């Protein structure tokens, strides 16, 4: 068999292998793109959570201050009532 006969016989196999190789490369590129997208989403979620946590801490701190003020007023009222007796 000559080289041309081998080429005529084996060119479909070469085309299938080339198509498989291209398919693999495209799949890897798409996976990398998806992973980058997921990583960006995770980072965005972390930043959103940080802001949410900061707002919760601010609210809790404000409530603690309000409760502290109310308790000090109650203590003052109790002292006033006890001093009258």
PDB file of N, CA and C in Angstrom:
ATOM      1  N   UNK A   1       0.842  -1.184   0.000  1.00  0.00           N
ATOM      2  CA  UNK A   1       0.000   0.000   0.000  1.00  0.00           C
ATOM      3  C   UNK A   1       0.883   1.241   0.000  1.00  0.00           C
ATOM      4  N   UNK A   2       0.467   2.184  -0.770  1.00  0.00           N
ATOM      5  CA  UNK A   2       1.230   3.430  -0.825  1.00  0.00           C
ATOM      6  C   UNK A   2       0.718   4.376   0.259  1.00  0.00           C
ATOM      7  N   UNK A   3       1.414   5.466   0.393  1.00  0.00           N
ATOM      8  CA  UNK A   3       1.045   6.461   1.405  1.00  0.00           C
ATOM      9  C   UNK A   3      -0.326   7.055   1.089  1.00  0.00           C
ATOM     10  N   UNK A   4      -0.614   7.271  -0.158  1.00  0.00           N
ATOM     11  CA  UNK A   4      -1.913   7.837  -0.545  1.00  0.00           C
ATOM     12  C   UNK A   4      -3.034   6.861  -0.212  1.00  0.00           C
ATOM     13  N   UNK A   5      -2.821   5.582  -0.405  1.00  0.00           N
ATOM     14  CA  UNK A   5      -3.839   4.585  -0.051  1.00  0.00           C
ATOM     15  C   UNK A   5      -4.072   4.566   1.462  1.00  0.00           C
ATOM     16  N   UNK A   6      -2.978   4.632   2.230  1.00  0.00           N
ATOM     17  CA  UNK A   6      -3.108   4.694   3.697  1.00  0.00           C
ATOM     18  C   UNK A   6      -3.899   5.935   4.098  1.00  0.00           C
ATOM     19  N   UNK A   7      -3.591   7.064   3.483  1.00  0.00           N
ATOM     20  CA  UNK A   7      -4.294   8.307   3.795  1.00  0.00           C
ATOM     21  C   UNK A   7      -5.776   8.185   3.459  1.00  0.00           C
ATOM     22  N   UNK A   8      -6.088   7.610   2.299  1.00  0.00           N
ATOM     23  CA  UNK A   8      -7.488   7.431   1.907  1.00  0.00           C
ATOM     24  C   UNK A   8      -8.222   6.505   2.866  1.00  0.00           C
ATOM     25  N   UNK A   9      -7.520   5.531   3.383  1.00  0.00           N
ATOM     26  CA  UNK A   9      -8.133   4.572   4.289  1.00  0.00           C
ATOM     27  C   UNK A   9      -8.316   5.161   5.699  1.00  0.00           C
ATOM     28  N   UNK A  10      -7.323   5.911   6.171  1.00  0.00           N
ATOM     29  CA  UNK A  10      -7.320   6.344   7.567  1.00  0.00           C
ATOM     30  C   UNK A  10      -7.800   7.778   7.807  1.00  0.00           C
ATOM     31  N   UNK A  11      -8.150   8.545   6.784  1.00  0.00           N
ATOM     32  CA  UNK A  11      -8.533   9.929   7.025  1.00  0.00           C
ATOM     33  C   UNK A  11      -9.779  10.056   7.897  1.00  0.00           C
ATOM     34  N   UNK A  12     -10.777   9.142   7.828  1.00  0.00           N
ATOM     35  CA  UNK A  12     -11.926   9.286   8.751  1.00  0.00           C
ATOM     36  C   UNK A  12     -11.506   9.148  10.217  1.00  0.00           C
ATOM     37  N   UNK A  13     -10.543   8.276  10.487  1.00  0.00           N
ATOM     38  CA  UNK A  13     -10.068   8.097  11.865  1.00  0.00           C
ATOM     39  C   UNK A  13      -9.371   9.367  12.333  1.00  0.00           C
ATOM     40  N   UNK A  14      -8.574   9.967  11.460  1.00  0.00           N
ATOM     41  CA  UNK A  14      -7.886  11.206  11.813  1.00  0.00           C
ATOM     42  C   UNK A  14      -8.878  12.330  12.076  1.00  0.00           C
ATOM     43  N   UNK A  15      -9.932  12.400  11.283  1.00  0.00           N
ATOM     44  CA  UNK A  15     -10.953  13.431  11.483  1.00  0.00           C
ATOM     45  C   UNK A  15     -11.667  13.224  12.815  1.00  0.00           C
ATOM     46  N   UNK A  16     -11.989  11.979  13.131  1.00  0.00           N
ATOM     47  CA  UNK A  16     -12.672  11.688  14.403  1.00  0.00           C
ATOM     48  C   UNK A  16     -11.768  12.047  15.577  1.00  0.00           C
ATOM     49  N   UNK A  17     -10.494  11.707  15.506  1.00  0.00           N
ATOM     50  CA  UNK A  17      -9.556  12.043  16.578  1.00  0.00           C
ATOM     51  C   UNK A  17      -9.402  13.553  16.723  1.00  0.00           C
ATOM     52  N   UNK A  18      -9.325  14.256  15.603  1.00  0.00           N
ATOM     53  CA  UNK A  18      -9.208  15.712  15.656  1.00  0.00           C
ATOM     54  C   UNK A  18     -10.472  16.325  16.267  1.00  0.00           C
ATOM     55  N   UNK A  19     -11.640  15.834  15.865  1.00  0.00           N
ATOM     56  CA  UNK A  19     -12.896  16.346  16.425  1.00  0.00           C
ATOM     57  C   UNK A  19     -12.970  16.075  17.918  1.00  0.00           C
ATOM     58  N   UNK A  20     -12.520  14.893  18.335  1.00  0.00           N
ATOM     59  CA  UNK A  20     -12.502  14.563  19.759  1.00  0.00           C
ATOM     60  C   UNK A  20     -11.576  15.506  20.517  1.00  0.00           C
ATOM     61  N   UNK A  21     -10.418  15.771  19.945  1.00  0.00           N
ATOM     62  CA  UNK A  21      -9.468  16.692  20.582  1.00  0.00           C
ATOM     63  C   UNK A  21     -10.038  18.097  20.717  1.00  0.00           C
ATOM     64  N   UNK A  22     -10.689  18.571  19.663  1.00  0.00           N
ATOM     65  CA  UNK A  22     -11.304  19.900  19.727  1.00  0.00           C
ATOM     66  C   UNK A  22     -12.397  19.911  20.775  1.00  0.00           C
ATOM     67  N   UNK A  23     -13.182  18.855  20.827  1.00  0.00           N
ATOM     68  CA  UNK A  23     -14.264  18.767  21.815  1.00  0.00           C
ATOM     69  C   UNK A  23     -13.715  18.802  23.235  1.00  0.00           C
ATOM     70  N   UNK A  24     -12.621  18.116  23.465  1.00  0.00           N
ATOM     71  CA  UNK A  24     -11.997  18.110  24.797  1.00  0.00           C
ATOM     72  C   UNK A  24     -11.501  19.506  25.166  1.00  0.00           C
ATOM     73  N   UNK A  25     -10.855  20.183  24.254  1.00  0.00           N
ATOM     74  CA  UNK A  25     -10.335  21.524  24.531  1.00  0.00           C
ATOM     75  C   UNK A  25     -11.474  22.509  24.812  1.00  0.00           C
ATOM     76  N   UNK A  26     -12.536  22.426  24.027  1.00  0.00           N
ATOM     77  CA  UNK A  26     -13.680  23.314  24.249  1.00  0.00           C
ATOM     78  C   UNK A  26     -14.317  23.023  25.599  1.00  0.00           C
ATOM     79  N   UNK A  27     -14.434  21.750  25.953  1.00  0.00           N
ATOM     80  CA  UNK A  27     -15.002  21.382  27.252  1.00  0.00           C
ATOM     81  C   UNK A  27     -14.175  21.913  28.405  1.00  0.00           C
ATOM     82  N   UNK A  28     -12.861  21.806  28.291  1.00  0.00           N
ATOM     83  CA  UNK A  28     -11.987  22.327  29.355  1.00  0.00           C
ATOM     84  C   UNK A  28     -12.107  23.836  29.469  1.00  0.00           C
ATOM     85  N   UNK A  29     -12.170  24.521  28.329  1.00  0.00           N
ATOM     86  CA  UNK A  29     -12.309  25.980  28.362  1.00  0.00           C
ATOM     87  C   UNK A  29     -13.629  26.383  29.022  1.00  0.00           C
ATOM     88  N   UNK A  30     -14.707  25.672  28.683  1.00  0.00           N
ATOM     89  CA  UNK A  30     -16.000  25.985  29.291  1.00  0.00           C
ATOM     90  C   UNK A  30     -15.993  25.714  30.794  1.00  0.00           C
ATOM     91  N   UNK A  31     -15.340  24.631  31.210  1.00  0.00           N
ATOM     92  CA  UNK A  31     -15.251  24.329  32.644  1.00  0.00           C
ATOM     93  C   UNK A  31     -14.473  25.406  33.384  1.00  0.00           C
ATOM     94  N   UNK A  32     -13.382  25.869  32.798  1.00  0.00           N
ATOM     95  CA  UNK A  32     -12.603  26.941  33.435  1.00  0.00           C
ATOM     96  C   UNK A  32     -13.446  28.203  33.566  1.00  0.00           C
ATOM     97  N   UNK A  33     -14.208  28.510  32.525  1.00  0.00           N
ATOM     98  CA  UNK A  33     -15.057  29.691  32.554  1.00  0.00           C
ATOM     99  C   UNK A  33     -16.119  29.557  33.641  1.00  0.00           C
ATOM    100  N   UNK A  34     -16.732  28.379  33.747  1.00  0.00           N
ATOM    101  CA  UNK A  34     -17.741  28.152  34.789  1.00  0.00           C
ATOM    102  C   UNK A  34     -17.136  28.275  36.176  1.00  0.00           C
ATOM    103  N   UNK A  35     -15.938  27.719  36.361  1.00  0.00           N
ATOM    104  CA  UNK A  35     -15.294  27.798  37.668  1.00  0.00           C
ATOM    105  C   UNK A  35     -14.997  29.242  38.042  1.00  0.00           C
ATOM    106  N   UNK A  36     -14.514  30.041  37.080  1.00  0.00           N
ATOM    107  CA  UNK A  36     -14.258  31.457  37.356  1.00  0.00           C
ATOM    108  C   UNK A  36     -15.553  32.169  37.732  1.00  0.00           C
ATOM    109  N   UNK A  37     -16.623  31.840  37.035  1.00  0.00           N
ATOM    110  CA  UNK A  37     -17.916  32.453  37.344  1.00  0.00           C
ATOM    111  C   UNK A  37     -18.372  32.074  38.746  1.00  0.00           C
ATOM    112  N   UNK A  38     -18.207  30.819  39.113  1.00  0.00           N
ATOM    113  CA  UNK A  38     -18.589  30.364  40.456  1.00  0.00           C
ATOM    114  C   UNK A  38     -17.745  31.054  41.512  1.00  0.00           C
ATOM    115  N   UNK A  39     -16.441  31.182  41.268  1.00  0.00           N
ATOM    116  CA  UNK A  39     -15.568  31.848  42.228  1.00  0.00           C
ATOM    117  C   UNK A  39     -15.970  33.310  42.408  1.00  0.00           C
ATOM    118  N   UNK A  40     -16.339  33.986  41.319  1.00  0.00           N
ATOM    119  CA  UNK A  40     -16.786  35.373  41.428  1.00  0.00           C
ATOM    120  C   UNK A  40     -18.072  35.450  42.234  1.00  0.00           C
ATOM    121  N   UNK A  41     -18.986  34.512  42.014  1.00  0.00           N
ATOM    122  CA  UNK A  41     -20.230  34.485  42.778  1.00  0.00           C
ATOM    123  C   UNK A  41     -19.966  34.280  44.262  1.00  0.00           C
ATOM    124  N   UNK A  42     -19.028  33.397  44.572  1.00  0.00           N
ATOM    125  CA  UNK A  42     -18.687  33.140  45.977  1.00  0.00           C
ATOM    126  C   UNK A  42     -18.104  34.392  46.621  1.00  0.00           C
ATOM    127  N   UNK A  43     -17.227  35.089  45.908  1.00  0.00           N
ATOM    128  CA  UNK A  43     -16.644  36.319  46.448  1.00  0.00           C
ATOM    129  C   UNK A  43     -17.718  37.376  46.681  1.00  0.00           C
ATOM    130  N   UNK A  44     -18.648  37.509  45.724  1.00  0.00           N
ATOM    131  CA  UNK A  44     -19.740  38.469  45.887  1.00  0.00           C
ATOM    132  C   UNK A  44     -20.592  38.126  47.102  1.00  0.00           C
ATOM    133  N   UNK A  45     -20.859  36.839  47.283  1.00  0.00           N
ATOM    134  CA  UNK A  45     -21.647  36.410  48.445  1.00  0.00           C
ATOM    135  C   UNK A  45     -20.923  36.727  49.750  1.00  0.00           C
ATOM    136  N   UNK A  46     -19.608  36.530  49.764  1.00  0.00           N
ATOM    137  CA  UNK A  46     -18.837  36.854  50.973  1.00  0.00           C
ATOM    138  C   UNK A  46     -18.965  38.329  51.305  1.00  0.00           C
ATOM    139  N   UNK A  47     -18.833  39.179  50.299  1.00  0.00           N
ATOM    140  CA  UNK A  47     -18.942  40.622  50.530  1.00  0.00           C
ATOM    141  C   UNK A  47     -20.343  40.990  51.001  1.00  0.00           C
ATOM    142  N   UNK A  48     -21.367  40.384  50.416  1.00  0.00           N
ATOM    143  CA  UNK A  48     -22.731  40.656  50.845  1.00  0.00           C
ATOM    144  C   UNK A  48     -22.943  40.220  52.287  1.00  0.00           C
ATOM    145  N   UNK A  49     -22.394  39.059  52.633  1.00  0.00           N
ATOM    146  CA  UNK A  49     -22.527  38.566  54.007  1.00  0.00           C
ATOM    147  C   UNK A  49     -21.830  39.487  54.990  1.00  0.00           C
ATOM    148  N   UNK A  50     -20.650  40.007  54.592  1.00  0.00           N
ATOM    149  CA  UNK A  50     -19.938  40.927  55.487  1.00  0.00           C
ATOM    150  C   UNK A  50     -20.788  42.158  55.771  1.00  0.00           C
ATOM    151  N   UNK A  51     -21.423  42.695  54.735  1.00  0.00           N
ATOM    152  CA  UNK A  51     -22.275  43.866  54.930  1.00  0.00           C
ATOM    153  C   UNK A  51     -23.470  43.514  55.813  1.00  0.00           C
ATOM    154  N   UNK A  52     -24.064  42.362  55.593  1.00  0.00           N
ATOM    155  CA  UNK A  52     -25.198  41.936  56.414  1.00  0.00           C
ATOM    156  C   UNK A  52     -24.785  41.760  57.870  1.00  0.00           C
ATOM    157  N   UNK A  53     -23.639  41.162  58.087  1.00  0.00           N
ATOM    158  CA  UNK A  53     -23.160  40.942  59.459  1.00  0.00           C
ATOM    159  C   UNK A  53     -22.892  42.274  60.142  1.00  0.00           C
ATOM    160  N   UNK A  54     -22.311  43.214  59.411  1.00  0.00           N
ATOM    161  CA  UNK A  54     -22.039  44.530  59.988  1.00  0.00           C
ATOM    162  C   UNK A  54     -23.335  45.229  60.374  1.00  0.00           C
ATOM    163  N   UNK A  55     -24.362  45.120  59.538  1.00  0.00           N
ATOM    164  CA  UNK A  55     -25.632  45.766  59.871  1.00  0.00           C
ATOM    165  C   UNK A  55     -26.297  45.091  61.074  1.00  0.00           C
ATOM    166  N   UNK A  56     -26.170  43.784  61.174  1.00  0.00           N
ATOM    167  CA  UNK A  56     -26.728  43.078  62.335  1.00  0.00           C
ATOM    168  C   UNK A  56     -26.006  43.504  63.610  1.00  0.00           C
ATOM    169  N   UNK A  57     -24.683  43.614  63.539  1.00  0.00           N
ATOM    170  CA  UNK A  57     -23.927  44.066  64.718  1.00  0.00           C
ATOM    171  C   UNK A  57     -24.333  45.481  65.120  1.00  0.00           C
ATOM    172  N   UNK A  58     -24.543  46.333  64.138  1.00  0.00           N
ATOM    173  CA  UNK A  58     -24.958  47.700  64.455  1.00  0.00           C
ATOM    174  C   UNK A  58     -26.316  47.712  65.135  1.00  0.00           C
ATOM    175  N   UNK A  59     -27.252  46.911  64.608  1.00  0.00           N
ATOM    176  CA  UNK A  59     -28.586  46.845  65.226  1.00  0.00           C
ATOM    177  C   UNK A  59     -28.517  46.293  66.640  1.00  0.00           C
ATOM    178  N   UNK A  60     -27.743  45.226  66.836  1.00  0.00           N
ATOM    179  CA  UNK A  60     -27.618  44.627  68.172  1.00  0.00           C
ATOM    180  C   UNK A  60     -27.000  45.635  69.139  1.00  0.00           C
ATOM    181  N   UNK A  61     -25.992  46.349  68.679  1.00  0.00           N
ATOM    182  CA  UNK A  61     -25.353  47.349  69.523  1.00  0.00           C
ATOM    183  C   UNK A  61     -26.338  48.444  69.910  1.00  0.00           C
ATOM    184  N   UNK A  62     -27.135  48.889  68.943  1.00  0.00           N
ATOM    185  CA  UNK A  62     -28.129  49.925  69.215  1.00  0.00           C
ATOM    186  C   UNK A  62     -29.161  49.419  70.228  1.00  0.00           C
ATOM    187  N   UNK A  63     -29.604  48.182  70.073  1.00  0.00           N
ATOM    188  CA  UNK A  63     -30.579  47.620  71.024  1.00  0.00           C
ATOM    189  C   UNK A  63     -29.958  47.472  72.415  1.00  0.00           C
ATOM    190  N   UNK A  64     -28.686  47.071  72.462  1.00  0.00           N
ATOM    191  CA  UNK A  64     -28.033  46.949  73.771  1.00  0.00           C
ATOM    192  C   UNK A  64     -27.969  48.308  74.456  1.00  0.00           C
ATOM    193  N   UNK A  65     -27.652  49.345  73.694  1.00  0.00           N
ATOM    194  CA  UNK A  65     -27.610  50.690  74.282  1.00  0.00           C
ATOM    195  C   UNK A  65     -28.984  51.117  74.778  1.00  0.00           C
ATOM    196  N   UNK A  66     -30.027  50.840  73.976  1.00  0.00           N
ATOM    197  CA  UNK A  66     -31.387  51.197  74.394  1.00  0.00           C
ATOM    198  C   UNK A  66     -31.783  50.440  75.658  1.00  0.00           C
ATOM    199  N   UNK A  67     -31.467  49.173  75.710  1.00  0.00           N
ATOM    200  CA  UNK A  67     -31.791  48.371  76.891  1.00  0.00           C
ATOM    201  C   UNK A  67     -31.016  48.874  78.095  1.00  0.00           C
ATOM    202  N   UNK A  68     -29.747  49.208  77.884  1.00  0.00           N
ATOM    203  CA  UNK A  68     -28.938  49.743  78.985  1.00  0.00           C
ATOM    204  C   UNK A  68     -29.526  51.035  79.527  1.00  0.00           C
ATOM    205  N   UNK A  69     -29.985  51.922  78.644  1.00  0.00           N
ATOM    206  CA  UNK A  69     -30.604  53.180  79.083  1.00  0.00           C
ATOM    207  C   UNK A  69     -31.881  52.902  79.856  1.00  0.00           C
ATOM    208  N   UNK A  70     -32.698  51.987  79.342  1.00  0.00           N
ATOM    209  CA  UNK A  70     -33.951  51.666  80.029  1.00  0.00           C
ATOM    210  C   UNK A  70     -33.672  51.080  81.409  1.00  0.00           C
ATOM    211  N   UNK A  71     -32.683  50.209  81.505  1.00  0.00           N
ATOM    212  CA  UNK A  71     -32.354  49.618  82.808  1.00  0.00           C
ATOM    213  C   UNK A  71     -31.820  50.667  83.774  1.00  0.00           C
ATOM    214  N   UNK A  72     -31.033  51.594  83.284  1.00  0.00           N
ATOM    215  CA  UNK A  72     -30.519  52.636  84.192  1.00  0.00           C
ATOM    216  C   UNK A  72     -31.664  53.530  84.670  1.00  0.00           C
ATOM    217  N   UNK A  73     -32.650  53.816  83.815  1.00  0.00           N
ATOM    218  CA  UNK A  73     -33.815  54.590  84.252  1.00  0.00           C
ATOM    219  C   UNK A  73     -34.600  53.830  85.313  1.00  0.00           C
ATOM    220  N   UNK A  74     -34.746  52.516  85.102  1.00  0.00           N
ATOM    221  CA  UNK A  74     -35.464  51.688  86.095  1.00  0.00           C
ATOM    222  C   UNK A  74     -34.718  51.709  87.421  1.00  0.00           C
ATOM    223  N   UNK A  75     -33.393  51.598  87.370  1.00  0.00           N
ATOM    224  CA  UNK A  75     -32.602  51.643  88.608  1.00  0.00           C
ATOM    225  C   UNK A  75     -32.784  52.984  89.320  1.00  0.00           C
ATOM    226  N   UNK A  76     -32.758  54.070  88.532  1.00  0.00           N
ATOM    227  CA  UNK A  76     -32.950  55.397  89.120  1.00  0.00           C
ATOM    228  C   UNK A  76     -34.319  55.506  89.771  1.00  0.00           C
ATOM    229  N   UNK A  77     -35.328  54.979  89.091  1.00  0.00           N
ATOM    230  CA  UNK A  77     -36.681  55.023  89.658  1.00  0.00           C
ATOM    231  C   UNK A  77     -36.752  54.205  90.947  1.00  0.00           C
ATOM    232  N   UNK A  78     -36.120  53.058  90.973  1.00  0.00           N
ATOM    233  CA  UNK A  78     -36.126  52.222  92.180  1.00  0.00           C
ATOM    234  C   UNK A  78     -35.408  52.954  93.312  1.00  0.00           C
ATOM    235  N   UNK A  79     -34.271  53.573  93.013  1.00  0.00           N
ATOM    236  CA  UNK A  79     -33.548  54.324  94.045  1.00  0.00           C
ATOM    237  C   UNK A  79     -34.401  55.472  94.581  1.00  0.00           C
ATOM    238  N   UNK A  80     -35.084  56.142  93.673  1.00  0.00           N
ATOM    239  CA  UNK A  80     -35.949  57.257  94.091  1.00  0.00           C
ATOM    240  C   UNK A  80     -37.054  56.742  94.994  1.00  0.00           C
ATOM    241  N   UNK A  81     -37.693  55.649  94.614  1.00  0.00           N
ATOM    242  CA  UNK A  81     -38.775  55.090  95.425  1.00  0.00           C
ATOM    243  C   UNK A  81     -38.275  54.612  96.773  1.00  0.00           C
ATOM    244  N   UNK A  82     -37.105  53.986  96.802  1.00  0.00           N
ATOM    245  CA  UNK A  82     -36.561  53.525  98.071  1.00  0.00           C
ATOM    246  C   UNK A  82     -36.136  54.685  98.968  1.00  0.00           C
ATOM    247  N   UNK A  83     -35.678  55.769  98.376  1.00  0.00           N
ATOM    248  CA  UNK A  83     -35.237  56.897  99.198  1.00  0.00           C
ATOM    249  C   UNK A  83     -36.417  57.641  99.817  1.00  0.00           C
ATOM    250  N   UNK A  84     -37.602  57.533  99.255  1.00  0.00           N
ATOM    251  CA  UNK A  84     -38.795  58.200  99.790  1.00  0.00           C
ATOM    252  C   UNK A  84     -39.316  57.518 101.043  1.00  0.00           C
ATOM    253  N   UNK A  85     -39.016  56.282 101.208  1.00  0.00           N
ATOM    254  CA  UNK A  85     -39.556  55.560 102.360  1.00  0.00           C
ATOM    255  C   UNK A  85     -38.836  55.830 103.603  1.00  0.00           C
TER     256      UNK A  85
END
